[in-house]
Amino acid sequence: MSLAEKLIKDFEQLSEDKKKEVIDFVEFLKIKGKKEKIGLMDFVIDENEEALKELAK
């Protein structure tokens, strides 16, 4: 059984309240991932500010 199949099987057995919690958690993970990417990009920009300014000329 694949991970997706297991997740669907387990998800279907939950109460509606628990299903909402799972969906909220998935949304949280997606937002967290986006924030981590933004933080990484900020770090790259900060660490390479001078080089980026030179490239912009």
PDB file of N, CA and C in Angstrom:
ATOM      1  N   MET A   1       0.847  -1.174   0.000  1.00  0.00           N
ATOM      2  CA  MET A   1       0.000   0.000   0.000  1.00  0.00           C
ATOM      3  C   MET A   1       0.895   1.241   0.000  1.00  0.00           C
ATOM      4  N   SER A   2       0.574   2.185  -0.873  1.00  0.00           N
ATOM      5  CA  SER A   2       1.363   3.417  -0.947  1.00  0.00           C
ATOM      6  C   SER A   2       1.026   4.326   0.232  1.00  0.00           C
ATOM      7  N   LEU A   3       1.863   5.322   0.441  1.00  0.00           N
ATOM      8  CA  LEU A   3       1.604   6.274   1.520  1.00  0.00           C
ATOM      9  C   LEU A   3       0.286   7.008   1.297  1.00  0.00           C
ATOM     10  N   ALA A   4       0.022   7.384   0.062  1.00  0.00           N
ATOM     11  CA  ALA A   4      -1.224   8.094  -0.248  1.00  0.00           C
ATOM     12  C   ALA A   4      -2.433   7.212   0.049  1.00  0.00           C
ATOM     13  N   GLU A   5      -2.359   5.950  -0.319  1.00  0.00           N
ATOM     14  CA  GLU A   5      -3.468   5.032  -0.056  1.00  0.00           C
ATOM     15  C   GLU A   5      -3.697   4.856   1.445  1.00  0.00           C
ATOM     16  N   LYS A   6      -2.604   4.727   2.201  1.00  0.00           N
ATOM     17  CA  LYS A   6      -2.716   4.587   3.653  1.00  0.00           C
ATOM     18  C   LYS A   6      -3.329   5.844   4.264  1.00  0.00           C
ATOM     19  N   LEU A   7      -2.864   6.985   3.794  1.00  0.00           N
ATOM     20  CA  LEU A   7      -3.389   8.249   4.311  1.00  0.00           C
ATOM     21  C   LEU A   7      -4.893   8.359   4.046  1.00  0.00           C
ATOM     22  N   ILE A   8      -5.302   8.051   2.840  1.00  0.00           N
ATOM     23  CA  ILE A   8      -6.723   8.123   2.498  1.00  0.00           C
ATOM     24  C   ILE A   8      -7.532   7.146   3.337  1.00  0.00           C
ATOM     25  N   LYS A   9      -7.032   5.927   3.477  1.00  0.00           N
ATOM     26  CA  LYS A   9      -7.740   4.912   4.274  1.00  0.00           C
ATOM     27  C   LYS A   9      -7.898   5.378   5.716  1.00  0.00           C
ATOM     28  N   ASP A  10      -6.805   5.856   6.308  1.00  0.00           N
ATOM     29  CA  ASP A  10      -6.857   6.317   7.697  1.00  0.00           C
ATOM     30  C   ASP A  10      -7.734   7.558   7.829  1.00  0.00           C
ATOM     31  N   PHE A  11      -7.621   8.467   6.866  1.00  0.00           N
ATOM     32  CA  PHE A  11      -8.396   9.700   6.890  1.00  0.00           C
ATOM     33  C   PHE A  11      -9.897   9.406   6.851  1.00  0.00           C
ATOM     34  N   GLU A  12     -10.293   8.471   6.024  1.00  0.00           N
ATOM     35  CA  GLU A  12     -11.710   8.135   5.880  1.00  0.00           C
ATOM     36  C   GLU A  12     -12.313   7.578   7.168  1.00  0.00           C
ATOM     37  N   GLN A  13     -11.498   7.047   8.043  1.00  0.00           N
ATOM     38  CA  GLN A  13     -11.984   6.457   9.293  1.00  0.00           C
ATOM     39  C   GLN A  13     -12.128   7.485  10.415  1.00  0.00           C
ATOM     40  N   LEU A  14     -11.667   8.695  10.189  1.00  0.00           N
ATOM     41  CA  LEU A  14     -11.731   9.731  11.221  1.00  0.00           C
ATOM     42  C   LEU A  14     -13.103  10.383  11.278  1.00  0.00           C
ATOM     43  N   SER A  15     -13.389  10.973  12.436  1.00  0.00           N
ATOM     44  CA  SER A  15     -14.614  11.776  12.565  1.00  0.00           C
ATOM     45  C   SER A  15     -14.433  13.068  11.758  1.00  0.00           C
ATOM     46  N   GLU A  16     -15.530  13.758  11.515  1.00  0.00           N
ATOM     47  CA  GLU A  16     -15.459  15.012  10.743  1.00  0.00           C
ATOM     48  C   GLU A  16     -14.566  16.037  11.439  1.00  0.00           C
ATOM     49  N   ASP A  17     -14.645  16.110  12.764  1.00  0.00           N
ATOM     50  CA  ASP A  17     -13.797  17.050  13.507  1.00  0.00           C
ATOM     51  C   ASP A  17     -12.317  16.737  13.320  1.00  0.00           C
ATOM     52  N   LYS A  18     -11.980  15.458  13.380  1.00  0.00           N
ATOM     53  CA  LYS A  18     -10.577  15.063  13.219  1.00  0.00           C
ATOM     54  C   LYS A  18     -10.114  15.295  11.781  1.00  0.00           C
ATOM     55  N   LYS A  19     -11.005  15.088  10.823  1.00  0.00           N
ATOM     56  CA  LYS A  19     -10.655  15.358   9.417  1.00  0.00           C
ATOM     57  C   LYS A  19     -10.313  16.834   9.236  1.00  0.00           C
ATOM     58  N   LYS A  20     -11.086  17.712   9.904  1.00  0.00           N
ATOM     59  CA  LYS A  20     -10.797  19.150   9.825  1.00  0.00           C
ATOM     60  C   LYS A  20      -9.438  19.463  10.441  1.00  0.00           C
ATOM     61  N   GLU A  21      -9.106  18.783  11.531  1.00  0.00           N
ATOM     62  CA  GLU A  21      -7.798  18.981  12.159  1.00  0.00           C
ATOM     63  C   GLU A  21      -6.676  18.552  11.220  1.00  0.00           C
ATOM     64  N   VAL A  22      -6.861  17.442  10.540  1.00  0.00           N
ATOM     65  CA  VAL A  22      -5.850  16.964   9.590  1.00  0.00           C
ATOM     66  C   VAL A  22      -5.665  17.983   8.472  1.00  0.00           C
ATOM     67  N   ILE A  23      -6.772  18.479   7.947  1.00  0.00           N
ATOM     68  CA  ILE A  23      -6.697  19.467   6.870  1.00  0.00           C
ATOM     69  C   ILE A  23      -6.003  20.736   7.364  1.00  0.00           C
ATOM     70  N   ASP A  24      -6.328  21.184   8.570  1.00  0.00           N
ATOM     71  CA  ASP A  24      -5.660  22.356   9.153  1.00  0.00           C
ATOM     72  C   ASP A  24      -4.162  22.120   9.283  1.00  0.00           C
ATOM     73  N   PHE A  25      -3.780  20.920   9.702  1.00  0.00           N
ATOM     74  CA  PHE A  25      -2.361  20.611   9.863  1.00  0.00           C
ATOM     75  C   PHE A  25      -1.644  20.608   8.519  1.00  0.00           C
ATOM     76  N   VAL A  26      -2.276  20.061   7.507  1.00  0.00           N
ATOM     77  CA  VAL A  26      -1.679  20.060   6.158  1.00  0.00           C
ATOM     78  C   VAL A  26      -1.485  21.502   5.679  1.00  0.00           C
ATOM     79  N   GLU A  27      -2.478  22.345   5.900  1.00  0.00           N
ATOM     80  CA  GLU A  27      -2.356  23.752   5.523  1.00  0.00           C
ATOM     81  C   GLU A  27      -1.210  24.419   6.285  1.00  0.00           C
ATOM     82  N   PHE A  28      -1.087  24.114   7.565  1.00  0.00           N
ATOM     83  CA  PHE A  28       0.010  24.637   8.374  1.00  0.00           C
ATOM     84  C   PHE A  28       1.357  24.230   7.788  1.00  0.00           C
ATOM     85  N   LEU A  29       1.491  22.966   7.405  1.00  0.00           N
ATOM     86  CA  LEU A  29       2.754  22.489   6.831  1.00  0.00           C
ATOM     87  C   LEU A  29       3.072  23.195   5.524  1.00  0.00           C
ATOM     88  N   LYS A  30       2.056  23.446   4.713  1.00  0.00           N
ATOM     89  CA  LYS A  30       2.279  24.146   3.454  1.00  0.00           C
ATOM     90  C   LYS A  30       2.755  25.570   3.698  1.00  0.00           C
ATOM     91  N   ILE A  31       2.126  26.259   4.640  1.00  0.00           N
ATOM     92  CA  ILE A  31       2.521  27.633   4.968  1.00  0.00           C
ATOM     93  C   ILE A  31       3.923  27.656   5.555  1.00  0.00           C
ATOM     94  N   LYS A  32       4.202  26.701   6.444  1.00  0.00           N
ATOM     95  CA  LYS A  32       5.530  26.619   7.066  1.00  0.00           C
ATOM     96  C   LYS A  32       6.602  26.428   5.996  1.00  0.00           C
ATOM     97  N   GLY A  33       6.325  25.582   5.018  1.00  0.00           N
ATOM     98  CA  GLY A  33       7.284  25.348   3.935  1.00  0.00           C
ATOM     99  C   GLY A  33       7.532  26.603   3.131  1.00  0.00           C
ATOM    100  N   LYS A  34       6.483  27.363   2.876  1.00  0.00           N
ATOM    101  CA  LYS A  34       6.638  28.617   2.126  1.00  0.00           C
ATOM    102  C   LYS A  34       7.468  29.617   2.918  1.00  0.00           C
ATOM    103  N   LYS A  35       7.208  29.696   4.235  1.00  0.00           N
ATOM    104  CA  LYS A  35       7.969  30.624   5.073  1.00  0.00           C
ATOM    105  C   LYS A  35       9.441  30.233   5.114  1.00  0.00           C
ATOM    106  N   GLU A  36       9.723  28.927   5.149  1.00  0.00           N
ATOM    107  CA  GLU A  36      11.115  28.474   5.158  1.00  0.00           C
ATOM    108  C   GLU A  36      11.804  28.860   3.851  1.00  0.00           C
ATOM    109  N   LYS A  37      11.105  28.735   2.724  1.00  0.00           N
ATOM    110  CA  LYS A  37      11.681  29.130   1.435  1.00  0.00           C
ATOM    111  C   LYS A  37      11.942  30.624   1.391  1.00  0.00           C
ATOM    112  N   ILE A  38      10.994  31.405   1.911  1.00  0.00           N
ATOM    113  CA  ILE A  38      11.175  32.853   1.937  1.00  0.00           C
ATOM    114  C   ILE A  38      12.374  33.210   2.809  1.00  0.00           C
ATOM    115  N   GLY A  39      12.484  32.562   3.954  1.00  0.00           N
ATOM    116  CA  GLY A  39      13.617  32.812   4.847  1.00  0.00           C
ATOM    117  C   GLY A  39      14.933  32.447   4.190  1.00  0.00           C
ATOM    118  N   LEU A  40      14.950  31.355   3.454  1.00  0.00           N
ATOM    119  CA  LEU A  40      16.164  30.942   2.750  1.00  0.00           C
ATOM    120  C   LEU A  40      16.535  31.957   1.678  1.00  0.00           C
ATOM    121  N   MET A  41      15.533  32.434   0.943  1.00  0.00           N
ATOM    122  CA  MET A  41      15.814  33.428  -0.096  1.00  0.00           C
ATOM    123  C   MET A  41      16.322  34.722   0.517  1.00  0.00           C
ATOM    124  N   ASP A  42      15.750  35.134   1.647  1.00  0.00           N
ATOM    125  CA  ASP A  42      16.241  36.332   2.340  1.00  0.00           C
ATOM    126  C   ASP A  42      17.697  36.154   2.740  1.00  0.00           C
ATOM    127  N   PHE A  43      18.043  34.973   3.223  1.00  0.00           N
ATOM    128  CA  PHE A  43      19.423  34.694   3.616  1.00  0.00           C
ATOM    129  C   PHE A  43      20.356  34.774   2.413  1.00  0.00           C
ATOM    130  N   VAL A  44      19.964  34.164   1.305  1.00  0.00           N
ATOM    131  CA  VAL A  44      20.794  34.179   0.093  1.00  0.00           C
ATOM    132  C   VAL A  44      20.990  35.616  -0.387  1.00  0.00           C
ATOM    133  N   ILE A  45      19.932  36.398  -0.371  1.00  0.00           N
ATOM    134  CA  ILE A  45      20.035  37.797  -0.799  1.00  0.00           C
ATOM    135  C   ILE A  45      20.954  38.567   0.130  1.00  0.00           C
ATOM    136  N   ASP A  46      20.778  38.405   1.429  1.00  0.00           N
ATOM    137  CA  ASP A  46      21.626  39.110   2.394  1.00  0.00           C
ATOM    138  C   ASP A  46      23.098  38.733   2.240  1.00  0.00           C
ATOM    139  N   GLU A  47      23.364  37.455   2.042  1.00  0.00           N
ATOM    140  CA  GLU A  47      24.743  36.979   1.931  1.00  0.00           C
ATOM    141  C   GLU A  47      25.398  37.393   0.613  1.00  0.00           C
ATOM    142  N   ASN A  48      24.609  37.720  -0.385  1.00  0.00           N
ATOM    143  CA  ASN A  48      25.147  38.036  -1.712  1.00  0.00           C
ATOM    144  C   ASN A  48      24.726  39.414  -2.200  1.00  0.00           C
ATOM    145  N   GLU A  49      24.461  40.306  -1.277  1.00  0.00           N
ATOM    146  CA  GLU A  49      23.937  41.628  -1.620  1.00  0.00           C
ATOM    147  C   GLU A  49      24.841  42.382  -2.591  1.00  0.00           C
ATOM    148  N   GLU A  50      26.125  42.408  -2.326  1.00  0.00           N
ATOM    149  CA  GLU A  50      27.051  43.145  -3.185  1.00  0.00           C
ATOM    150  C   GLU A  50      27.108  42.545  -4.590  1.00  0.00           C
ATOM    151  N   ALA A  51      27.174  41.240  -4.672  1.00  0.00           N
ATOM    152  CA  ALA A  51      27.218  40.584  -5.985  1.00  0.00           C
ATOM    153  C   ALA A  51      25.931  40.843  -6.759  1.00  0.00           C
ATOM    154  N   LEU A  52      24.810  40.833  -6.074  1.00  0.00           N
ATOM    155  CA  LEU A  52      23.540  41.084  -6.746  1.00  0.00           C
ATOM    156  C   LEU A  52      23.449  42.527  -7.246  1.00  0.00           C
ATOM    157  N   LYS A  53      24.000  43.455  -6.471  1.00  0.00           N
ATOM    158  CA  LYS A  53      24.031  44.856  -6.914  1.00  0.00           C
ATOM    159  C   LYS A  53      24.889  44.997  -8.162  1.00  0.00           C
ATOM    160  N   GLU A  54      26.019  44.299  -8.200  1.00  0.00           N
ATOM    161  CA  GLU A  54      26.877  44.345  -9.385  1.00  0.00           C
ATOM    162  C   GLU A  54      26.175  43.765 -10.610  1.00  0.00           C
ATOM    163  N   LEU A  55      25.464  42.681 -10.421  1.00  0.00           N
ATOM    164  CA  LEU A  55      24.730  42.070 -11.536  1.00  0.00           C
ATOM    165  C   LEU A  55      23.608  42.963 -12.026  1.00  0.00           C
ATOM    166  N   ALA A  56      23.055  43.780 -11.146  1.00  0.00           N
ATOM    167  CA  ALA A  56      21.942  44.645 -11.512  1.00  0.00           C
ATOM    168  C   ALA A  56      22.377  45.837 -12.354  1.00  0.00           C
ATOM    169  N   LYS A  57      23.664  46.116 -12.387  1.00  0.00           N
ATOM    170  CA  LYS A  57      24.157  47.281 -13.150  1.00  0.00           C
ATOM    171  C   LYS A  57      24.045  47.061 -14.631  1.00  0.00           C
TER     172      LYS A  57
END
